[in-house]
Amino acid sequence: MYEKFGAAHSLNGFPGAVVVFQRALDSNRHRIAKQAGVTASELRALSRVAEAGSITPKELAESLEMTTGAVTAISTRLVDGALMRRVDHPNDRRSLFLELTPCGDEIMKQIYREFDAAMAVVTKDTPQAELRRCSALLHSAAEELAPLDSSVFSPGL
């Protein structure tokens, strides 16, 4: 539910809770990035490479909604920091893949373990059936939102 009080805009109910949760996740990501010695954008890139296992810079740029130039700069910093490596593409000598190094892999394992433990703490009193319903709702909402017209502007989201 949307409300406006003077110059302030507010979302309430479930949409408001989603925004609050998203901001908490963003804050957590910034804290984790700082601890890992990378920027939030670099952490996002590491996460996408970790999820894919191996990804081209073009695919990474598309998944991060960044230019290939921005991804080149980010990946160069991560390669220089020994968290990511460039691997020749086996079928296209003009292309390459980005992969985690063993150090990058260890950082992602640690990040995922810590996040999993944090979620376990905040949901410790929540019945498993409710967590499954919540997971299904989040997955369903993500699938519905993903194809939405990107011309829709949502400030602060």
N, C-alpha and C. Protein backbone atom coordinates (compact mmCIF):
# COMPACT_ATOMS: atom_id res chain seq x y z
N MET A 1 0.85 -1.16 0.00
CA MET A 1 0.00 0.00 0.00
C MET A 1 0.91 1.24 0.00
N TYR A 2 0.61 2.16 -0.89
CA TYR A 2 1.39 3.39 -1.05
C TYR A 2 0.70 4.55 -0.36
N GLU A 3 1.50 5.38 0.33
CA GLU A 3 0.98 6.59 0.96
C GLU A 3 1.97 7.72 0.76
N LYS A 4 1.45 8.94 0.78
CA LYS A 4 2.31 10.12 0.70
C LYS A 4 1.91 11.07 1.80
N PHE A 5 2.92 11.50 2.57
CA PHE A 5 2.72 12.46 3.65
C PHE A 5 3.63 13.64 3.36
N GLY A 6 3.07 14.74 2.88
CA GLY A 6 3.89 15.88 2.50
C GLY A 6 4.83 15.47 1.38
N ALA A 7 6.12 15.63 1.59
CA ALA A 7 7.11 15.27 0.57
C ALA A 7 7.55 13.82 0.68
N ALA A 8 7.15 13.11 1.75
CA ALA A 8 7.60 11.75 1.98
C ALA A 8 6.68 10.73 1.31
N HIS A 9 7.29 9.75 0.67
CA HIS A 9 6.56 8.63 0.06
C HIS A 9 6.80 7.40 0.92
N SER A 10 5.79 6.55 1.04
CA SER A 10 5.91 5.39 1.91
C SER A 10 5.17 4.20 1.32
N LEU A 11 5.79 3.03 1.46
CA LEU A 11 5.12 1.78 1.14
C LEU A 11 4.84 1.08 2.46
N ASN A 12 3.66 0.53 2.59
CA ASN A 12 3.28 -0.18 3.80
C ASN A 12 2.90 -1.62 3.45
N GLY A 13 2.54 -2.39 4.45
CA GLY A 13 2.11 -3.76 4.23
C GLY A 13 3.24 -4.61 3.65
N PHE A 14 2.86 -5.59 2.85
CA PHE A 14 3.85 -6.51 2.28
C PHE A 14 4.86 -5.80 1.39
N PRO A 15 4.44 -4.89 0.48
CA PRO A 15 5.45 -4.18 -0.32
C PRO A 15 6.45 -3.41 0.53
N GLY A 16 6.00 -2.79 1.59
CA GLY A 16 6.91 -2.07 2.49
C GLY A 16 7.87 -3.02 3.18
N ALA A 17 7.38 -4.18 3.59
CA ALA A 17 8.24 -5.18 4.23
C ALA A 17 9.31 -5.68 3.26
N VAL A 18 8.93 -5.84 2.00
CA VAL A 18 9.89 -6.29 0.98
C VAL A 18 11.01 -5.26 0.84
N VAL A 19 10.67 -3.98 0.79
CA VAL A 19 11.68 -2.93 0.68
C VAL A 19 12.60 -2.92 1.89
N VAL A 20 12.03 -3.04 3.08
CA VAL A 20 12.84 -3.08 4.31
C VAL A 20 13.79 -4.28 4.27
N PHE A 21 13.29 -5.44 3.85
CA PHE A 21 14.13 -6.64 3.76
C PHE A 21 15.22 -6.47 2.72
N GLN A 22 14.87 -5.90 1.57
CA GLN A 22 15.86 -5.67 0.51
C GLN A 22 16.97 -4.73 1.01
N ARG A 23 16.60 -3.71 1.72
CA ARG A 23 17.61 -2.78 2.26
C ARG A 23 18.48 -3.47 3.29
N ALA A 24 17.92 -4.36 4.09
CA ALA A 24 18.72 -5.11 5.07
C ALA A 24 19.71 -6.02 4.33
N LEU A 25 19.27 -6.64 3.24
CA LEU A 25 20.16 -7.47 2.44
C LEU A 25 21.29 -6.62 1.84
N ASP A 26 20.94 -5.44 1.33
CA ASP A 26 21.95 -4.53 0.78
C ASP A 26 22.97 -4.16 1.83
N SER A 27 22.51 -3.83 3.03
CA SER A 27 23.41 -3.47 4.12
C SER A 27 24.32 -4.64 4.47
N ASN A 28 23.76 -5.83 4.51
CA ASN A 28 24.53 -7.03 4.79
C ASN A 28 25.58 -7.26 3.70
N ARG A 29 25.20 -7.06 2.43
CA ARG A 29 26.13 -7.24 1.31
C ARG A 29 27.29 -6.25 1.43
N HIS A 30 27.00 -5.00 1.78
CA HIS A 30 28.06 -4.01 1.93
C HIS A 30 29.01 -4.38 3.07
N ARG A 31 28.46 -4.89 4.18
CA ARG A 31 29.30 -5.31 5.30
C ARG A 31 30.18 -6.48 4.89
N ILE A 32 29.61 -7.46 4.21
CA ILE A 32 30.36 -8.64 3.77
C ILE A 32 31.45 -8.23 2.77
N ALA A 33 31.10 -7.34 1.85
CA ALA A 33 32.07 -6.89 0.86
C ALA A 33 33.26 -6.23 1.55
N LYS A 34 32.96 -5.37 2.51
CA LYS A 34 34.02 -4.68 3.24
C LYS A 34 34.93 -5.67 3.95
N GLN A 35 34.33 -6.66 4.59
CA GLN A 35 35.12 -7.69 5.29
C GLN A 35 35.99 -8.48 4.31
N ALA A 36 35.47 -8.70 3.10
CA ALA A 36 36.20 -9.47 2.09
C ALA A 36 37.23 -8.61 1.35
N GLY A 37 37.19 -7.29 1.58
CA GLY A 37 38.13 -6.40 0.92
C GLY A 37 37.80 -6.09 -0.53
N VAL A 38 36.51 -6.16 -0.85
CA VAL A 38 36.04 -5.85 -2.20
C VAL A 38 34.90 -4.85 -2.12
N THR A 39 34.53 -4.28 -3.26
CA THR A 39 33.38 -3.39 -3.30
C THR A 39 32.10 -4.23 -3.40
N ALA A 40 30.97 -3.60 -3.19
CA ALA A 40 29.70 -4.30 -3.32
C ALA A 40 29.51 -4.81 -4.75
N SER A 41 29.92 -4.03 -5.74
CA SER A 41 29.81 -4.46 -7.15
C SER A 41 30.72 -5.65 -7.42
N GLU A 42 31.90 -5.63 -6.83
CA GLU A 42 32.82 -6.77 -7.01
C GLU A 42 32.24 -8.02 -6.35
N LEU A 43 31.61 -7.85 -5.20
CA LEU A 43 30.99 -8.99 -4.53
C LEU A 43 29.85 -9.55 -5.37
N ARG A 44 29.05 -8.66 -5.96
CA ARG A 44 27.97 -9.13 -6.85
C ARG A 44 28.55 -9.93 -8.01
N ALA A 45 29.66 -9.45 -8.58
CA ALA A 45 30.30 -10.16 -9.69
C ALA A 45 30.82 -11.52 -9.22
N LEU A 46 31.49 -11.54 -8.08
CA LEU A 46 31.98 -12.82 -7.54
C LEU A 46 30.83 -13.79 -7.33
N SER A 47 29.72 -13.29 -6.80
CA SER A 47 28.55 -14.15 -6.56
C SER A 47 28.01 -14.73 -7.85
N ARG A 48 27.91 -13.91 -8.88
CA ARG A 48 27.39 -14.40 -10.16
C ARG A 48 28.32 -15.42 -10.79
N VAL A 49 29.63 -15.18 -10.69
CA VAL A 49 30.60 -16.15 -11.22
C VAL A 49 30.51 -17.44 -10.41
N ALA A 50 30.38 -17.32 -9.08
CA ALA A 50 30.25 -18.50 -8.23
C ALA A 50 29.01 -19.31 -8.60
N GLU A 51 27.90 -18.63 -8.86
CA GLU A 51 26.66 -19.32 -9.23
C GLU A 51 26.79 -20.03 -10.57
N ALA A 52 27.47 -19.39 -11.52
CA ALA A 52 27.61 -19.95 -12.86
C ALA A 52 28.73 -20.99 -12.94
N GLY A 53 29.76 -20.82 -12.12
CA GLY A 53 30.92 -21.69 -12.21
C GLY A 53 31.92 -21.15 -13.24
N SER A 54 31.40 -20.77 -14.38
CA SER A 54 32.20 -20.22 -15.47
C SER A 54 31.26 -19.38 -16.32
N ILE A 55 31.67 -18.15 -16.64
CA ILE A 55 30.77 -17.24 -17.34
C ILE A 55 31.60 -16.30 -18.21
N THR A 56 31.04 -15.91 -19.35
CA THR A 56 31.75 -14.95 -20.19
C THR A 56 31.54 -13.54 -19.62
N PRO A 57 32.45 -12.63 -19.91
CA PRO A 57 32.25 -11.25 -19.44
C PRO A 57 30.94 -10.65 -19.96
N LYS A 58 30.57 -10.97 -21.18
CA LYS A 58 29.31 -10.45 -21.74
C LYS A 58 28.11 -10.97 -20.94
N GLU A 59 28.11 -12.26 -20.63
CA GLU A 59 27.02 -12.83 -19.83
C GLU A 59 26.99 -12.22 -18.43
N LEU A 60 28.17 -12.00 -17.87
CA LEU A 60 28.25 -11.39 -16.54
C LEU A 60 27.70 -9.96 -16.58
N ALA A 61 28.08 -9.22 -17.61
CA ALA A 61 27.59 -7.84 -17.75
C ALA A 61 26.07 -7.83 -17.85
N GLU A 62 25.51 -8.73 -18.64
CA GLU A 62 24.05 -8.80 -18.78
C GLU A 62 23.38 -9.16 -17.45
N SER A 63 23.95 -10.12 -16.72
CA SER A 63 23.31 -10.53 -15.47
C SER A 63 23.43 -9.46 -14.39
N LEU A 64 24.47 -8.62 -14.46
CA LEU A 64 24.63 -7.54 -13.49
C LEU A 64 24.01 -6.23 -13.96
N GLU A 65 23.49 -6.22 -15.19
CA GLU A 65 22.93 -5.02 -15.82
C GLU A 65 23.96 -3.90 -15.82
N MET A 66 25.17 -4.26 -16.28
CA MET A 66 26.28 -3.32 -16.40
C MET A 66 26.82 -3.36 -17.82
N THR A 67 27.63 -2.38 -18.15
CA THR A 67 28.29 -2.41 -19.45
C THR A 67 29.44 -3.41 -19.40
N THR A 68 29.85 -3.86 -20.57
CA THR A 68 31.01 -4.77 -20.61
C THR A 68 32.26 -4.05 -20.13
N GLY A 69 32.35 -2.74 -20.35
CA GLY A 69 33.49 -1.97 -19.86
C GLY A 69 33.55 -1.97 -18.35
N ALA A 70 32.40 -1.82 -17.70
CA ALA A 70 32.36 -1.85 -16.23
C ALA A 70 32.77 -3.22 -15.72
N VAL A 71 32.29 -4.27 -16.38
CA VAL A 71 32.63 -5.63 -15.97
C VAL A 71 34.12 -5.90 -16.21
N THR A 72 34.67 -5.35 -17.28
CA THR A 72 36.10 -5.50 -17.52
C THR A 72 36.90 -4.88 -16.38
N ALA A 73 36.50 -3.69 -15.95
CA ALA A 73 37.20 -3.02 -14.84
C ALA A 73 37.07 -3.83 -13.55
N ILE A 74 35.87 -4.31 -13.26
CA ILE A 74 35.65 -5.09 -12.04
C ILE A 74 36.43 -6.40 -12.10
N SER A 75 36.35 -7.10 -13.23
CA SER A 75 37.04 -8.38 -13.32
C SER A 75 38.55 -8.20 -13.28
N THR A 76 39.05 -7.12 -13.82
CA THR A 76 40.50 -6.86 -13.75
C THR A 76 40.94 -6.70 -12.30
N ARG A 77 40.16 -5.94 -11.51
CA ARG A 77 40.49 -5.79 -10.09
C ARG A 77 40.44 -7.13 -9.36
N LEU A 78 39.45 -7.96 -9.70
CA LEU A 78 39.33 -9.26 -9.04
C LEU A 78 40.42 -10.23 -9.49
N VAL A 79 40.81 -10.16 -10.76
CA VAL A 79 41.93 -10.97 -11.25
C VAL A 79 43.22 -10.52 -10.57
N ASP A 80 43.43 -9.21 -10.51
CA ASP A 80 44.62 -8.68 -9.84
C ASP A 80 44.66 -9.05 -8.36
N GLY A 81 43.49 -9.19 -7.75
CA GLY A 81 43.39 -9.57 -6.35
C GLY A 81 43.39 -11.08 -6.13
N ALA A 82 43.58 -11.84 -7.20
CA ALA A 82 43.66 -13.31 -7.16
C ALA A 82 42.37 -13.98 -6.70
N LEU A 83 41.23 -13.31 -6.92
CA LEU A 83 39.93 -13.90 -6.56
C LEU A 83 39.23 -14.51 -7.77
N MET A 84 39.63 -14.09 -8.96
CA MET A 84 39.02 -14.55 -10.19
C MET A 84 40.14 -14.74 -11.22
N ARG A 85 39.89 -15.60 -12.19
CA ARG A 85 40.85 -15.80 -13.27
C ARG A 85 40.12 -15.79 -14.61
N ARG A 86 40.88 -15.44 -15.64
CA ARG A 86 40.37 -15.50 -17.00
C ARG A 86 40.86 -16.80 -17.63
N VAL A 87 39.95 -17.51 -18.29
CA VAL A 87 40.27 -18.78 -18.92
C VAL A 87 39.89 -18.68 -20.39
N ASP A 88 40.77 -19.15 -21.26
CA ASP A 88 40.49 -19.12 -22.69
C ASP A 88 39.21 -19.89 -23.00
N HIS A 89 38.42 -19.34 -23.90
CA HIS A 89 37.21 -20.01 -24.38
C HIS A 89 37.67 -21.13 -25.32
N PRO A 90 37.19 -22.35 -25.13
CA PRO A 90 37.68 -23.46 -25.95
C PRO A 90 37.22 -23.40 -27.42
N ASN A 91 36.14 -22.69 -27.69
CA ASN A 91 35.60 -22.67 -29.05
C ASN A 91 35.67 -21.32 -29.74
N ASP A 92 36.08 -20.30 -29.03
CA ASP A 92 36.09 -18.95 -29.60
C ASP A 92 37.31 -18.21 -29.07
N ARG A 93 38.33 -18.05 -29.90
CA ARG A 93 39.57 -17.44 -29.43
C ARG A 93 39.42 -15.96 -29.14
N ARG A 94 38.29 -15.35 -29.54
CA ARG A 94 38.03 -13.94 -29.24
C ARG A 94 37.36 -13.76 -27.89
N SER A 95 36.97 -14.86 -27.26
CA SER A 95 36.24 -14.79 -26.01
C SER A 95 37.00 -15.51 -24.90
N LEU A 96 36.51 -15.34 -23.69
CA LEU A 96 37.10 -16.01 -22.54
C LEU A 96 36.02 -16.24 -21.50
N PHE A 97 36.39 -17.01 -20.50
CA PHE A 97 35.50 -17.26 -19.37
C PHE A 97 36.12 -16.66 -18.11
N LEU A 98 35.27 -16.28 -17.19
CA LEU A 98 35.68 -15.84 -15.86
C LEU A 98 35.33 -16.95 -14.89
N GLU A 99 36.27 -17.29 -14.02
CA GLU A 99 36.06 -18.32 -13.01
C GLU A 99 36.69 -17.87 -11.70
N LEU A 100 36.22 -18.43 -10.60
CA LEU A 100 36.82 -18.13 -9.31
C LEU A 100 38.16 -18.86 -9.18
N THR A 101 39.07 -18.23 -8.49
CA THR A 101 40.31 -18.91 -8.10
C THR A 101 40.02 -19.68 -6.83
N PRO A 102 40.94 -20.52 -6.37
CA PRO A 102 40.72 -21.19 -5.08
C PRO A 102 40.47 -20.19 -3.94
N CYS A 103 41.15 -19.04 -3.95
CA CYS A 103 40.93 -18.02 -2.92
C CYS A 103 39.52 -17.43 -3.04
N GLY A 104 39.09 -17.13 -4.26
CA GLY A 104 37.74 -16.62 -4.48
C GLY A 104 36.69 -17.65 -4.07
N ASP A 105 36.97 -18.91 -4.36
CA ASP A 105 36.07 -19.99 -3.98
C ASP A 105 35.93 -20.07 -2.45
N GLU A 106 37.04 -19.94 -1.73
CA GLU A 106 37.00 -19.98 -0.27
C GLU A 106 36.22 -18.80 0.30
N ILE A 107 36.39 -17.62 -0.28
CA ILE A 107 35.65 -16.45 0.18
C ILE A 107 34.14 -16.67 -0.02
N MET A 108 33.75 -17.20 -1.18
CA MET A 108 32.33 -17.43 -1.43
C MET A 108 31.77 -18.50 -0.50
N LYS A 109 32.53 -19.54 -0.22
CA LYS A 109 32.08 -20.55 0.74
C LYS A 109 31.82 -19.92 2.10
N GLN A 110 32.75 -19.09 2.54
CA GLN A 110 32.62 -18.43 3.84
C GLN A 110 31.40 -17.51 3.86
N ILE A 111 31.22 -16.73 2.81
CA ILE A 111 30.09 -15.81 2.73
C ILE A 111 28.77 -16.57 2.76
N TYR A 112 28.67 -17.64 1.98
CA TYR A 112 27.43 -18.41 1.94
C TYR A 112 27.16 -19.11 3.28
N ARG A 113 28.20 -19.63 3.91
CA ARG A 113 28.02 -20.27 5.22
C ARG A 113 27.52 -19.25 6.26
N GLU A 114 28.15 -18.06 6.26
CA GLU A 114 27.74 -17.03 7.22
C GLU A 114 26.31 -16.57 6.97
N PHE A 115 25.94 -16.40 5.70
CA PHE A 115 24.58 -15.98 5.40
C PHE A 115 23.58 -17.06 5.79
N ASP A 116 23.92 -18.31 5.49
CA ASP A 116 23.05 -19.42 5.87
C ASP A 116 22.87 -19.47 7.39
N ALA A 117 23.95 -19.28 8.13
CA ALA A 117 23.88 -19.28 9.60
C ALA A 117 23.04 -18.11 10.10
N ALA A 118 23.20 -16.94 9.51
CA ALA A 118 22.41 -15.77 9.92
C ALA A 118 20.92 -16.01 9.66
N MET A 119 20.59 -16.58 8.51
CA MET A 119 19.17 -16.86 8.21
C MET A 119 18.62 -17.92 9.16
N ALA A 120 19.46 -18.87 9.55
CA ALA A 120 19.02 -19.89 10.51
C ALA A 120 18.69 -19.25 11.85
N VAL A 121 19.48 -18.28 12.27
CA VAL A 121 19.23 -17.60 13.55
C VAL A 121 17.92 -16.81 13.49
N VAL A 122 17.72 -16.04 12.41
CA VAL A 122 16.52 -15.19 12.36
C VAL A 122 15.24 -15.97 12.10
N THR A 123 15.37 -17.22 11.64
CA THR A 123 14.17 -18.02 11.37
C THR A 123 14.05 -19.22 12.32
N LYS A 124 14.85 -19.23 13.39
CA LYS A 124 14.91 -20.41 14.28
C LYS A 124 13.55 -20.77 14.88
N ASP A 125 12.68 -19.81 15.08
CA ASP A 125 11.38 -20.09 15.67
C ASP A 125 10.26 -20.24 14.64
N THR A 126 10.64 -20.25 13.38
CA THR A 126 9.65 -20.35 12.31
C THR A 126 9.52 -21.81 11.87
N PRO A 127 8.30 -22.33 11.86
CA PRO A 127 8.11 -23.73 11.44
C PRO A 127 8.59 -23.95 10.00
N GLN A 128 9.12 -25.13 9.73
CA GLN A 128 9.64 -25.47 8.41
C GLN A 128 8.58 -25.31 7.31
N ALA A 129 7.34 -25.66 7.61
CA ALA A 129 6.28 -25.54 6.61
C ALA A 129 6.09 -24.07 6.21
N GLU A 130 6.19 -23.18 7.20
CA GLU A 130 6.05 -21.75 6.91
C GLU A 130 7.23 -21.24 6.09
N LEU A 131 8.43 -21.71 6.41
CA LEU A 131 9.61 -21.33 5.64
C LEU A 131 9.51 -21.81 4.20
N ARG A 132 8.98 -23.01 3.99
CA ARG A 132 8.79 -23.53 2.62
C ARG A 132 7.79 -22.66 1.86
N ARG A 133 6.69 -22.24 2.53
CA ARG A 133 5.70 -21.37 1.88
C ARG A 133 6.32 -20.02 1.55
N CYS A 134 7.10 -19.48 2.47
CA CYS A 134 7.76 -18.19 2.24
C CYS A 134 8.76 -18.30 1.09
N SER A 135 9.51 -19.39 1.05
CA SER A 135 10.46 -19.62 -0.06
C SER A 135 9.72 -19.69 -1.39
N ALA A 136 8.61 -20.41 -1.42
CA ALA A 136 7.83 -20.52 -2.65
C ALA A 136 7.30 -19.16 -3.07
N LEU A 137 6.84 -18.35 -2.12
CA LEU A 137 6.33 -17.02 -2.43
C LEU A 137 7.44 -16.15 -3.01
N LEU A 138 8.63 -16.17 -2.39
CA LEU A 138 9.74 -15.36 -2.89
C LEU A 138 10.15 -15.79 -4.30
N HIS A 139 10.23 -17.09 -4.54
CA HIS A 139 10.58 -17.57 -5.88
C HIS A 139 9.52 -17.17 -6.91
N SER A 140 8.27 -17.33 -6.53
CA SER A 140 7.18 -16.96 -7.44
C SER A 140 7.18 -15.47 -7.74
N ALA A 141 7.36 -14.65 -6.70
CA ALA A 141 7.39 -13.20 -6.89
C ALA A 141 8.57 -12.81 -7.78
N ALA A 142 9.72 -13.42 -7.57
CA ALA A 142 10.90 -13.11 -8.39
C ALA A 142 10.64 -13.45 -9.86
N GLU A 143 10.02 -14.59 -10.11
CA GLU A 143 9.71 -14.98 -11.48
C GLU A 143 8.73 -14.02 -12.14
N GLU A 144 7.77 -13.54 -11.39
CA GLU A 144 6.79 -12.60 -11.92
C GLU A 144 7.40 -11.23 -12.16
N LEU A 145 8.30 -10.79 -11.28
CA LEU A 145 8.89 -9.46 -11.40
C LEU A 145 9.96 -9.39 -12.48
N ALA A 146 10.70 -10.45 -12.68
CA ALA A 146 11.83 -10.44 -13.62
C ALA A 146 11.46 -9.94 -15.01
N PRO A 147 10.35 -10.37 -15.60
CA PRO A 147 10.06 -9.90 -16.96
C PRO A 147 9.37 -8.54 -17.03
N LEU A 148 9.15 -7.89 -15.88
CA LEU A 148 8.47 -6.61 -15.91
C LEU A 148 9.23 -5.60 -16.75
N ASP A 149 8.53 -4.70 -17.37
CA ASP A 149 9.10 -3.65 -18.20
C ASP A 149 10.12 -2.85 -17.40
N SER A 150 11.35 -2.79 -17.88
CA SER A 150 12.40 -2.09 -17.14
C SER A 150 12.23 -0.59 -17.20
N SER A 151 11.27 -0.09 -17.98
CA SER A 151 11.05 1.36 -18.02
C SER A 151 10.29 1.85 -16.80
N VAL A 152 9.74 0.92 -16.01
CA VAL A 152 9.03 1.29 -14.79
C VAL A 152 10.09 1.71 -13.77
N PHE A 153 9.98 2.93 -13.27
CA PHE A 153 10.97 3.46 -12.33
C PHE A 153 10.47 3.27 -10.92
N SER A 154 11.28 2.61 -10.10
CA SER A 154 10.93 2.38 -8.70
C SER A 154 12.03 2.96 -7.82
N PRO A 155 11.91 4.22 -7.40
CA PRO A 155 12.98 4.82 -6.60
C PRO A 155 13.18 4.10 -5.29
N GLY A 156 14.44 3.90 -4.95
CA GLY A 156 14.78 3.29 -3.67
C GLY A 156 14.63 1.78 -3.64
N LEU A 157 14.18 1.19 -4.69
CA LEU A 157 13.99 -0.27 -4.67
C LEU A 157 15.20 -0.96 -5.23
